[in-house]
């Protein structure tokens, strides 16, 4: 089977996942696969199904908490599906699922297309960002998606138009249903002023450096802001800044960030997230919603 899979992309056995997520944690995968193309992805999935091997698709790992143990299946990366096309004359951009969202944003801005400036600091892939409806500064990615090309559960390629996509804050119908794998997307944008957009992006970058612990591995905001309040304020009010479990720590710079301060394990991060959630619930009666996804924690 390994030899057959190698016809369609790179294959690693018992591969470490620590370098494939922004927490820099996790165990290994029985198989780590990177198909060369959409057709190769389809062939790869057929082989896995024929051999009853479970799998999941991993983007940039910027919003997940992987387990410490080995995943007894295949982790599929779409990093080779990373094409980007910018069409200023059509006020449109196209990107494959494995393309990095900041690159799409900057390529669009450099072509004087406006809309994706908010995404310049989001360290996710296009596919992963669409699944979780990533956003910042009161904007979200699915507001700018014209259509999404997916692979359905029968391994057929289909296009889903914007009006047929259900989404809300940090979620989408792609997240609540596992029958689709995102392959690519088109974005509708507007012509604008490149210099203004670049200035906005730079100002926001400076503010992030001042207010977020970007010098440590993390996965961004851990909890969703409750309506009319901020998760970081609630966590800080419970005196949890600096609280540690193992090598994981609640950031002193921003309480809604958990950082890998000192070779944290996945268990450290998982237990600290649960501890912060339960402490805030007990002390403030606010049931914070966890934004990050726990992979293979059954």
C-alpha atoms as a PDB file:
ATOM      1  CA  UNK A   1       0.000   0.000   0.000  1.00  0.00           C
ATOM      2  CA  UNK A   2       2.837   2.415   0.834  1.00  0.00           C
ATOM      3  CA  UNK A   3       4.336   1.991  -2.617  1.00  0.00           C
ATOM      4  CA  UNK A   4       0.952   2.672  -4.177  1.00  0.00           C
ATOM      5  CA  UNK A   5       0.432   5.829  -2.098  1.00  0.00           C
ATOM      6  CA  UNK A   6       3.850   7.103  -3.145  1.00  0.00           C
ATOM      7  CA  UNK A   7       2.598   7.315  -6.726  1.00  0.00           C
ATOM      8  CA  UNK A   8       0.370  10.204  -5.682  1.00  0.00           C
ATOM      9  CA  UNK A   9       2.508  12.277  -3.327  1.00  0.00           C
ATOM     10  CA  UNK A  10       4.925  12.172  -0.421  1.00  0.00           C
ATOM     11  CA  UNK A  11       4.478   9.537   2.280  1.00  0.00           C
ATOM     12  CA  UNK A  12       6.023   9.411   5.759  1.00  0.00           C
ATOM     13  CA  UNK A  13       5.463   6.698   8.325  1.00  0.00           C
ATOM     14  CA  UNK A  14       5.321   7.408  12.068  1.00  0.00           C
ATOM     15  CA  UNK A  15       5.862  11.076  11.312  1.00  0.00           C
ATOM     16  CA  UNK A  16       6.114  13.698  14.047  1.00  0.00           C
ATOM     17  CA  UNK A  17       3.291  16.246  14.070  1.00  0.00           C
ATOM     18  CA  UNK A  18       5.012  18.787  16.343  1.00  0.00           C
ATOM     19  CA  UNK A  19       6.209  20.898  13.447  1.00  0.00           C
ATOM     20  CA  UNK A  20       2.808  20.860  11.772  1.00  0.00           C
ATOM     21  CA  UNK A  21       0.793  22.864  14.307  1.00  0.00           C
ATOM     22  CA  UNK A  22       1.319  26.269  15.859  1.00  0.00           C
ATOM     23  CA  UNK A  23       1.347  24.970  19.456  1.00  0.00           C
ATOM     24  CA  UNK A  24       4.330  22.790  18.462  1.00  0.00           C
ATOM     25  CA  UNK A  25       2.855  19.836  20.328  1.00  0.00           C
ATOM     26  CA  UNK A  26       1.457  16.436  19.477  1.00  0.00           C
ATOM     27  CA  UNK A  27       2.600  12.915  18.832  1.00  0.00           C
ATOM     28  CA  UNK A  28       3.008  11.139  15.538  1.00  0.00           C
ATOM     29  CA  UNK A  29       0.896   9.926  12.646  1.00  0.00           C
ATOM     30  CA  UNK A  30       0.996   6.388  11.353  1.00  0.00           C
ATOM     31  CA  UNK A  31       1.008   7.950   7.888  1.00  0.00           C
ATOM     32  CA  UNK A  32       1.605  11.550   6.856  1.00  0.00           C
ATOM     33  CA  UNK A  33       0.515  12.138   3.268  1.00  0.00           C
ATOM     34  CA  UNK A  34       0.869  15.148   0.948  1.00  0.00           C
ATOM     35  CA  UNK A  35      -0.894  14.518  -2.375  1.00  0.00           C
ATOM     36  CA  UNK A  36       0.518  16.297  -5.428  1.00  0.00           C
ATOM     37  CA  UNK A  37      -2.810  17.376  -6.944  1.00  0.00           C
ATOM     38  CA  UNK A  38      -6.575  17.109  -6.622  1.00  0.00           C
ATOM     39  CA  UNK A  39      -6.611  13.948  -8.738  1.00  0.00           C
ATOM     40  CA  UNK A  40      -3.833  12.509  -6.576  1.00  0.00           C
ATOM     41  CA  UNK A  41      -5.834  13.359  -3.457  1.00  0.00           C
ATOM     42  CA  UNK A  42      -8.782  11.421  -4.848  1.00  0.00           C
ATOM     43  CA  UNK A  43      -6.570   8.431  -5.610  1.00  0.00           C
ATOM     44  CA  UNK A  44      -5.054   8.636  -2.119  1.00  0.00           C
ATOM     45  CA  UNK A  45      -8.467   8.655  -0.463  1.00  0.00           C
ATOM     46  CA  UNK A  46      -9.584   5.657  -2.514  1.00  0.00           C
ATOM     47  CA  UNK A  47      -6.575   3.667  -1.314  1.00  0.00           C
ATOM     48  CA  UNK A  48      -7.167   4.633   2.321  1.00  0.00           C
ATOM     49  CA  UNK A  49     -10.833   3.647   2.099  1.00  0.00           C
ATOM     50  CA  UNK A  50     -10.022   0.339   0.433  1.00  0.00           C
ATOM     51  CA  UNK A  51      -7.648  -0.434   3.308  1.00  0.00           C
ATOM     52  CA  UNK A  52     -10.033   0.817   6.035  1.00  0.00           C
ATOM     53  CA  UNK A  53      -7.584   3.454   7.232  1.00  0.00           C
ATOM     54  CA  UNK A  54      -9.060   6.466   8.977  1.00  0.00           C
ATOM     55  CA  UNK A  55      -7.812   9.917   8.065  1.00  0.00           C
ATOM     56  CA  UNK A  56      -8.201  13.620   8.650  1.00  0.00           C
ATOM     57  CA  UNK A  57      -7.076  16.681   6.732  1.00  0.00           C
ATOM     58  CA  UNK A  58      -4.730  19.043   8.567  1.00  0.00           C
ATOM     59  CA  UNK A  59      -4.241  22.625   7.439  1.00  0.00           C
ATOM     60  CA  UNK A  60      -1.585  24.769   9.095  1.00  0.00           C
ATOM     61  CA  UNK A  61      -2.571  23.441  12.524  1.00  0.00           C
ATOM     62  CA  UNK A  62      -3.274  26.953  13.787  1.00  0.00           C
ATOM     63  CA  UNK A  63      -6.484  26.163  15.649  1.00  0.00           C
ATOM     64  CA  UNK A  64      -6.059  22.588  16.847  1.00  0.00           C
ATOM     65  CA  UNK A  65      -4.835  20.681  19.880  1.00  0.00           C
ATOM     66  CA  UNK A  66      -3.335  17.392  18.721  1.00  0.00           C
ATOM     67  CA  UNK A  67      -2.959  14.391  21.010  1.00  0.00           C
ATOM     68  CA  UNK A  68       0.418  13.229  22.345  1.00  0.00           C
ATOM     69  CA  UNK A  69      -0.030   9.664  21.186  1.00  0.00           C
ATOM     70  CA  UNK A  70       0.262   8.302  17.671  1.00  0.00           C
ATOM     71  CA  UNK A  71      -2.727   8.845  15.415  1.00  0.00           C
ATOM     72  CA  UNK A  72      -3.512   5.378  14.080  1.00  0.00           C
ATOM     73  CA  UNK A  73      -4.410   6.561  10.623  1.00  0.00           C
ATOM     74  CA  UNK A  74      -3.391   9.008   7.939  1.00  0.00           C
ATOM     75  CA  UNK A  75      -2.932  12.737   8.368  1.00  0.00           C
ATOM     76  CA  UNK A  76      -3.379  14.404   5.000  1.00  0.00           C
ATOM     77  CA  UNK A  77      -1.812  17.768   4.239  1.00  0.00           C
ATOM     78  CA  UNK A  78      -2.863  19.792   1.214  1.00  0.00           C
ATOM     79  CA  UNK A  79       0.253  21.966   1.290  1.00  0.00           C
ATOM     80  CA  UNK A  80       1.034  21.113  -2.344  1.00  0.00           C
ATOM     81  CA  UNK A  81      -2.382  22.451  -3.388  1.00  0.00           C
ATOM     82  CA  UNK A  82      -1.289  26.041  -2.843  1.00  0.00           C
ATOM     83  CA  UNK A  83      -1.950  27.902  -6.080  1.00  0.00           C
ATOM     84  CA  UNK A  84      -3.146  31.521  -5.982  1.00  0.00           C
ATOM     85  CA  UNK A  85      -4.532  33.558  -8.874  1.00  0.00           C
ATOM     86  CA  UNK A  86      -5.336  37.271  -8.631  1.00  0.00           C
ATOM     87  CA  UNK A  87      -7.636  38.843 -11.233  1.00  0.00           C
ATOM     88  CA  UNK A  88      -7.919  42.617 -10.634  1.00  0.00           C
ATOM     89  CA  UNK A  89      -9.929  43.110 -13.837  1.00  0.00           C
ATOM     90  CA  UNK A  90     -12.598  40.764 -12.443  1.00  0.00           C
ATOM     91  CA  UNK A  91     -12.202  41.949  -8.823  1.00  0.00           C
ATOM     92  CA  UNK A  92     -11.686  38.329  -7.935  1.00  0.00           C
ATOM     93  CA  UNK A  93      -9.079  36.054  -6.366  1.00  0.00           C
ATOM     94  CA  UNK A  94      -8.759  32.283  -6.495  1.00  0.00           C
ATOM     95  CA  UNK A  95      -6.803  30.122  -4.086  1.00  0.00           C
ATOM     96  CA  UNK A  96      -6.342  26.427  -3.490  1.00  0.00           C
ATOM     97  CA  UNK A  97      -6.997  25.007  -0.035  1.00  0.00           C
ATOM     98  CA  UNK A  98      -3.354  24.644   0.972  1.00  0.00           C
ATOM     99  CA  UNK A  99      -2.424  28.249   0.200  1.00  0.00           C
ATOM    100  CA  UNK A 100      -1.620  30.355   3.243  1.00  0.00           C
ATOM    101  CA  UNK A 101      -4.247  32.974   4.017  1.00  0.00           C
ATOM    102  CA  UNK A 102      -1.731  35.797   4.724  1.00  0.00           C
ATOM    103  CA  UNK A 103      -0.161  35.262   1.294  1.00  0.00           C
ATOM    104  CA  UNK A 104      -3.555  35.428  -0.389  1.00  0.00           C
ATOM    105  CA  UNK A 105      -4.314  38.624   1.519  1.00  0.00           C
ATOM    106  CA  UNK A 106      -1.004  40.264   0.607  1.00  0.00           C
ATOM    107  CA  UNK A 107      -1.144  39.172  -3.045  1.00  0.00           C
ATOM    108  CA  UNK A 108      -4.625  40.668  -3.264  1.00  0.00           C
ATOM    109  CA  UNK A 109      -3.601  43.945  -1.616  1.00  0.00           C
ATOM    110  CA  UNK A 110      -0.538  44.248  -3.841  1.00  0.00           C
ATOM    111  CA  UNK A 111      -2.912  44.047  -6.790  1.00  0.00           C
ATOM    112  CA  UNK A 112      -4.984  46.875  -5.202  1.00  0.00           C
ATOM    113  CA  UNK A 113      -7.840  44.550  -4.287  1.00  0.00           C
ATOM    114  CA  UNK A 114      -9.532  45.291  -0.968  1.00  0.00           C
ATOM    115  CA  UNK A 115     -11.389  43.040   1.446  1.00  0.00           C
ATOM    116  CA  UNK A 116      -8.894  40.562   2.859  1.00  0.00           C
ATOM    117  CA  UNK A 117      -6.715  43.004   4.807  1.00  0.00           C
ATOM    118  CA  UNK A 118      -8.074  41.548   8.064  1.00  0.00           C
ATOM    119  CA  UNK A 119      -6.632  38.142   7.125  1.00  0.00           C
ATOM    120  CA  UNK A 120      -3.003  39.242   6.758  1.00  0.00           C
ATOM    121  CA  UNK A 121      -2.207  38.162  10.320  1.00  0.00           C
ATOM    122  CA  UNK A 122      -4.187  34.901  10.453  1.00  0.00           C
ATOM    123  CA  UNK A 123      -1.705  31.990  10.250  1.00  0.00           C
ATOM    124  CA  UNK A 124      -4.013  29.485   8.589  1.00  0.00           C
ATOM    125  CA  UNK A 125      -4.529  27.875   5.227  1.00  0.00           C
ATOM    126  CA  UNK A 126      -7.373  28.938   2.961  1.00  0.00           C
ATOM    127  CA  UNK A 127      -9.151  25.609   3.463  1.00  0.00           C
ATOM    128  CA  UNK A 128      -8.845  25.579   7.233  1.00  0.00           C
ATOM    129  CA  UNK A 129      -9.848  29.227   7.467  1.00  0.00           C
ATOM    130  CA  UNK A 130     -13.020  28.574   5.497  1.00  0.00           C
ATOM    131  CA  UNK A 131     -13.944  25.560   7.629  1.00  0.00           C
ATOM    132  CA  UNK A 132     -13.686  27.617  10.824  1.00  0.00           C
ATOM    133  CA  UNK A 133     -14.818  30.889   9.203  1.00  0.00           C
ATOM    134  CA  UNK A 134     -11.666  32.580  10.460  1.00  0.00           C
ATOM    135  CA  UNK A 135     -11.816  36.296  11.065  1.00  0.00           C
ATOM    136  CA  UNK A 136     -10.535  39.381  12.804  1.00  0.00           C
ATOM    137  CA  UNK A 137     -11.452  43.055  13.177  1.00  0.00           C
ATOM    138  CA  UNK A 138     -15.185  42.334  12.784  1.00  0.00           C
ATOM    139  CA  UNK A 139     -14.671  40.620   9.426  1.00  0.00           C
ATOM    140  CA  UNK A 140     -14.744  36.941   8.491  1.00  0.00           C
ATOM    141  CA  UNK A 141     -13.476  34.994   5.527  1.00  0.00           C
ATOM    142  CA  UNK A 142     -16.820  33.629   4.341  1.00  0.00           C
ATOM    143  CA  UNK A 143     -18.166  37.143   3.832  1.00  0.00           C
ATOM    144  CA  UNK A 144     -15.758  37.351   0.891  1.00  0.00           C
ATOM    145  CA  UNK A 145     -16.102  33.850  -0.544  1.00  0.00           C
ATOM    146  CA  UNK A 146     -17.883  33.660  -3.879  1.00  0.00           C
ATOM    147  CA  UNK A 147     -17.799  29.883  -4.166  1.00  0.00           C
ATOM    148  CA  UNK A 148     -15.987  26.875  -2.715  1.00  0.00           C
ATOM    149  CA  UNK A 149     -14.802  23.849  -4.673  1.00  0.00           C
ATOM    150  CA  UNK A 150     -15.060  20.691  -2.590  1.00  0.00           C
ATOM    151  CA  UNK A 151     -14.651  16.962  -2.725  1.00  0.00           C
ATOM    152  CA  UNK A 152     -17.819  15.284  -1.519  1.00  0.00           C
ATOM    153  CA  UNK A 153     -18.201  12.009   0.356  1.00  0.00           C
ATOM    154  CA  UNK A 154     -18.396  10.117  -2.937  1.00  0.00           C
ATOM    155  CA  UNK A 155     -15.118  11.693  -4.078  1.00  0.00           C
ATOM    156  CA  UNK A 156     -16.833  13.878  -6.655  1.00  0.00           C
ATOM    157  CA  UNK A 157     -15.659  17.446  -7.217  1.00  0.00           C
ATOM    158  CA  UNK A 158     -18.453  20.006  -6.892  1.00  0.00           C
ATOM    159  CA  UNK A 159     -18.815  23.760  -6.495  1.00  0.00           C
ATOM    160  CA  UNK A 160     -20.854  25.280  -3.663  1.00  0.00           C
ATOM    161  CA  UNK A 161     -21.990  28.866  -4.187  1.00  0.00           C
ATOM    162  CA  UNK A 162     -21.899  31.499  -1.460  1.00  0.00           C
ATOM    163  CA  UNK A 163     -25.659  31.512  -0.944  1.00  0.00           C
ATOM    164  CA  UNK A 164     -25.618  27.786  -0.193  1.00  0.00           C
ATOM    165  CA  UNK A 165     -23.026  28.061   2.585  1.00  0.00           C
ATOM    166  CA  UNK A 166     -24.300  28.390   6.143  1.00  0.00           C
ATOM    167  CA  UNK A 167     -21.951  30.206   8.477  1.00  0.00           C
ATOM    168  CA  UNK A 168     -21.752  32.341  11.581  1.00  0.00           C
ATOM    169  CA  UNK A 169     -19.093  33.495  14.029  1.00  0.00           C
ATOM    170  CA  UNK A 170     -16.143  31.068  13.779  1.00  0.00           C
ATOM    171  CA  UNK A 171     -18.128  28.221  12.317  1.00  0.00           C
ATOM    172  CA  UNK A 172     -19.607  27.038   9.044  1.00  0.00           C
ATOM    173  CA  UNK A 173     -21.523  24.187   7.496  1.00  0.00           C
ATOM    174  CA  UNK A 174     -18.127  22.784   6.461  1.00  0.00           C
ATOM    175  CA  UNK A 175     -17.218  22.466  10.141  1.00  0.00           C
ATOM    176  CA  UNK A 176     -20.497  20.977  11.336  1.00  0.00           C
ATOM    177  CA  UNK A 177     -20.526  18.402   8.526  1.00  0.00           C
ATOM    178  CA  UNK A 178     -17.547  16.227   7.611  1.00  0.00           C
ATOM    179  CA  UNK A 179     -18.788  15.178   4.173  1.00  0.00           C
ATOM    180  CA  UNK A 180     -16.713  17.745   2.289  1.00  0.00           C
ATOM    181  CA  UNK A 181     -12.991  18.359   1.838  1.00  0.00           C
ATOM    182  CA  UNK A 182     -12.303  21.881   0.667  1.00  0.00           C
ATOM    183  CA  UNK A 183     -10.142  22.071  -2.446  1.00  0.00           C
ATOM    184  CA  UNK A 184     -10.231  25.738  -3.469  1.00  0.00           C
ATOM    185  CA  UNK A 185     -12.257  28.929  -3.280  1.00  0.00           C
ATOM    186  CA  UNK A 186     -13.032  32.082  -5.236  1.00  0.00           C
ATOM    187  CA  UNK A 187     -13.198  35.442  -3.467  1.00  0.00           C
ATOM    188  CA  UNK A 188     -15.074  38.572  -4.501  1.00  0.00           C
ATOM    189  CA  UNK A 189     -13.122  41.727  -3.696  1.00  0.00           C
ATOM    190  CA  UNK A 190     -13.125  45.423  -4.619  1.00  0.00           C
ATOM    191  CA  UNK A 191     -10.549  47.698  -6.193  1.00  0.00           C
ATOM    192  CA  UNK A 192      -9.056  50.051  -3.649  1.00  0.00           C
ATOM    193  CA  UNK A 193      -6.005  51.972  -2.539  1.00  0.00           C
ATOM    194  CA  UNK A 194      -2.974  49.713  -2.111  1.00  0.00           C
ATOM    195  CA  UNK A 195      -1.070  52.144   0.100  1.00  0.00           C
ATOM    196  CA  UNK A 196      -3.993  52.579   2.493  1.00  0.00           C
ATOM    197  CA  UNK A 197      -4.413  48.825   2.763  1.00  0.00           C
ATOM    198  CA  UNK A 198      -0.703  48.261   3.406  1.00  0.00           C
ATOM    199  CA  UNK A 199      -0.703  50.946   6.091  1.00  0.00           C
ATOM    200  CA  UNK A 200      -3.697  49.334   7.801  1.00  0.00           C
ATOM    201  CA  UNK A 201      -2.020  45.922   7.746  1.00  0.00           C
ATOM    202  CA  UNK A 202       1.213  47.321   9.190  1.00  0.00           C
ATOM    203  CA  UNK A 203      -0.582  49.194  11.979  1.00  0.00           C
ATOM    204  CA  UNK A 204      -2.420  46.047  12.967  1.00  0.00           C
ATOM    205  CA  UNK A 205       0.786  43.999  12.858  1.00  0.00           C
ATOM    206  CA  UNK A 206       2.434  46.406  15.286  1.00  0.00           C
ATOM    207  CA  UNK A 207      -0.573  46.255  17.637  1.00  0.00           C
ATOM    208  CA  UNK A 208      -0.518  42.442  17.594  1.00  0.00           C
ATOM    209  CA  UNK A 209       3.158  42.432  18.533  1.00  0.00           C
ATOM    210  CA  UNK A 210       2.395  44.753  21.446  1.00  0.00           C
ATOM    211  CA  UNK A 211      -0.644  42.890  22.776  1.00  0.00           C
ATOM    212  CA  UNK A 212      -0.214  39.214  21.849  1.00  0.00           C
ATOM    213  CA  UNK A 213       2.476  36.697  22.914  1.00  0.00           C
ATOM    214  CA  UNK A 214       3.651  36.017  19.380  1.00  0.00           C
ATOM    215  CA  UNK A 215       7.123  35.105  20.607  1.00  0.00           C
ATOM    216  CA  UNK A 216       5.785  31.770  21.932  1.00  0.00           C
ATOM    217  CA  UNK A 217       3.998  28.906  20.172  1.00  0.00           C
ATOM    218  CA  UNK A 218       0.226  29.182  20.587  1.00  0.00           C
ATOM    219  CA  UNK A 219      -2.951  28.739  18.597  1.00  0.00           C
ATOM    220  CA  UNK A 220      -4.344  32.230  19.022  1.00  0.00           C
ATOM    221  CA  UNK A 221      -7.443  32.986  21.037  1.00  0.00           C
ATOM    222  CA  UNK A 222      -8.531  29.953  23.034  1.00  0.00           C
ATOM    223  CA  UNK A 223     -12.075  31.047  23.873  1.00  0.00           C
ATOM    224  CA  UNK A 224     -14.775  32.895  21.991  1.00  0.00           C
ATOM    225  CA  UNK A 225     -15.644  36.325  23.363  1.00  0.00           C
ATOM    226  CA  UNK A 226     -19.062  36.126  25.033  1.00  0.00           C
ATOM    227  CA  UNK A 227     -21.592  38.681  23.903  1.00  0.00           C
ATOM    228  CA  UNK A 228     -20.856  42.064  25.437  1.00  0.00           C
ATOM    229  CA  UNK A 229     -17.636  40.959  27.124  1.00  0.00           C
ATOM    230  CA  UNK A 230     -14.145  39.649  26.471  1.00  0.00           C
ATOM    231  CA  UNK A 231     -12.830  36.196  27.326  1.00  0.00           C
ATOM    232  CA  UNK A 232      -9.446  37.679  28.197  1.00  0.00           C
ATOM    233  CA  UNK A 233     -11.003  40.037  30.755  1.00  0.00           C
ATOM    234  CA  UNK A 234     -12.925  37.213  32.403  1.00  0.00           C
ATOM    235  CA  UNK A 235      -9.848  34.993  32.589  1.00  0.00           C
ATOM    236  CA  UNK A 236      -7.769  37.826  34.027  1.00  0.00           C
ATOM    237  CA  UNK A 237     -10.491  38.594  36.590  1.00  0.00           C
ATOM    238  CA  UNK A 238     -10.025  35.039  37.874  1.00  0.00           C
ATOM    239  CA  UNK A 239      -6.310  35.739  38.449  1.00  0.00           C
ATOM    240  CA  UNK A 240      -5.292  33.135  35.904  1.00  0.00           C
ATOM    241  CA  UNK A 241      -2.634  35.112  34.044  1.00  0.00           C
ATOM    242  CA  UNK A 242       0.608  33.195  34.361  1.00  0.00           C
ATOM    243  CA  UNK A 243      -1.115  30.042  35.611  1.00  0.00           C
ATOM    244  CA  UNK A 244       0.782  26.949  34.446  1.00  0.00           C
ATOM    245  CA  UNK A 245       0.227  23.274  33.962  1.00  0.00           C
ATOM    246  CA  UNK A 246       3.470  21.601  32.960  1.00  0.00           C
ATOM    247  CA  UNK A 247       5.005  23.607  30.131  1.00  0.00           C
ATOM    248  CA  UNK A 248       1.740  25.334  29.163  1.00  0.00           C
ATOM    249  CA  UNK A 249       0.928  28.764  30.546  1.00  0.00           C
ATOM    250  CA  UNK A 250      -1.836  31.363  30.402  1.00  0.00           C
ATOM    251  CA  UNK A 251      -0.062  34.300  28.791  1.00  0.00           C
ATOM    252  CA  UNK A 252       0.755  37.283  30.968  1.00  0.00           C
ATOM    253  CA  UNK A 253       0.457  39.490  27.898  1.00  0.00           C
ATOM    254  CA  UNK A 254      -3.010  38.333  26.799  1.00  0.00           C
ATOM    255  CA  UNK A 255      -5.070  36.072  29.057  1.00  0.00           C
ATOM    256  CA  UNK A 256      -7.005  34.502  26.169  1.00  0.00           C
ATOM    257  CA  UNK A 257      -3.783  32.965  24.842  1.00  0.00           C
ATOM    258  CA  UNK A 258      -2.299  29.745  26.136  1.00  0.00           C
ATOM    259  CA  UNK A 259       1.353  29.444  25.196  1.00  0.00           C
ATOM    260  CA  UNK A 260       3.830  26.605  24.949  1.00  0.00           C
ATOM    261  CA  UNK A 261       6.238  28.199  27.402  1.00  0.00           C
ATOM    262  CA  UNK A 262       8.555  25.273  28.095  1.00  0.00           C
ATOM    263  CA  UNK A 263       8.244  22.126  25.982  1.00  0.00           C
ATOM    264  CA  UNK A 264       4.572  21.647  26.811  1.00  0.00           C
ATOM    265  CA  UNK A 265       2.864  18.381  25.999  1.00  0.00           C
ATOM    266  CA  UNK A 266      -0.546  18.164  24.397  1.00  0.00           C
ATOM    267  CA  UNK A 267      -1.857  16.950  27.751  1.00  0.00           C
ATOM    268  CA  UNK A 268      -0.523  20.132  29.408  1.00  0.00           C
ATOM    269  CA  UNK A 269      -2.336  22.345  26.914  1.00  0.00           C
ATOM    270  CA  UNK A 270      -5.537  20.306  27.033  1.00  0.00           C
ATOM    271  CA  UNK A 271      -5.682  20.284  30.836  1.00  0.00           C
ATOM    272  CA  UNK A 272      -4.918  24.002  31.082  1.00  0.00           C
ATOM    273  CA  UNK A 273      -7.695  24.873  28.639  1.00  0.00           C
ATOM    274  CA  UNK A 274     -10.136  22.764  30.647  1.00  0.00           C
ATOM    275  CA  UNK A 275      -8.923  24.267  33.935  1.00  0.00           C
ATOM    276  CA  UNK A 276      -9.348  27.846  32.692  1.00  0.00           C
ATOM    277  CA  UNK A 277     -12.786  27.054  31.307  1.00  0.00           C
ATOM    278  CA  UNK A 278     -13.969  25.429  34.538  1.00  0.00           C
ATOM    279  CA  UNK A 279     -12.491  28.139  36.767  1.00  0.00           C
ATOM    280  CA  UNK A 280     -14.178  30.934  34.817  1.00  0.00           C
ATOM    281  CA  UNK A 281     -17.453  28.999  34.854  1.00  0.00           C
ATOM    282  CA  UNK A 282     -17.285  28.469  38.625  1.00  0.00           C
ATOM    283  CA  UNK A 283     -16.288  32.032  39.484  1.00  0.00           C
ATOM    284  CA  UNK A 284     -18.285  34.075  36.951  1.00  0.00           C
ATOM    285  CA  UNK A 285     -20.996  31.666  35.767  1.00  0.00           C
ATOM    286  CA  UNK A 286     -19.907  32.344  32.159  1.00  0.00           C
ATOM    287  CA  UNK A 287     -19.575  29.171  30.094  1.00  0.00           C
ATOM    288  CA  UNK A 288     -16.803  30.149  27.690  1.00  0.00           C
ATOM    289  CA  UNK A 289     -16.927  28.476  24.289  1.00  0.00           C
ATOM    290  CA  UNK A 290     -13.641  26.835  23.326  1.00  0.00           C
ATOM    291  CA  UNK A 291     -12.632  27.896  19.816  1.00  0.00           C
ATOM    292  CA  UNK A 292      -9.822  25.403  19.352  1.00  0.00           C
ATOM    293  CA  UNK A 293     -10.487  21.893  18.127  1.00  0.00           C
ATOM    294  CA  UNK A 294      -9.270  18.811  19.995  1.00  0.00           C
ATOM    295  CA  UNK A 295      -8.075  16.205  17.510  1.00  0.00           C
ATOM    296  CA  UNK A 296      -8.144  12.494  18.402  1.00  0.00           C
ATOM    297  CA  UNK A 297      -9.017  12.958  22.075  1.00  0.00           C
ATOM    298  CA  UNK A 298     -11.715  10.269  22.198  1.00  0.00           C
END
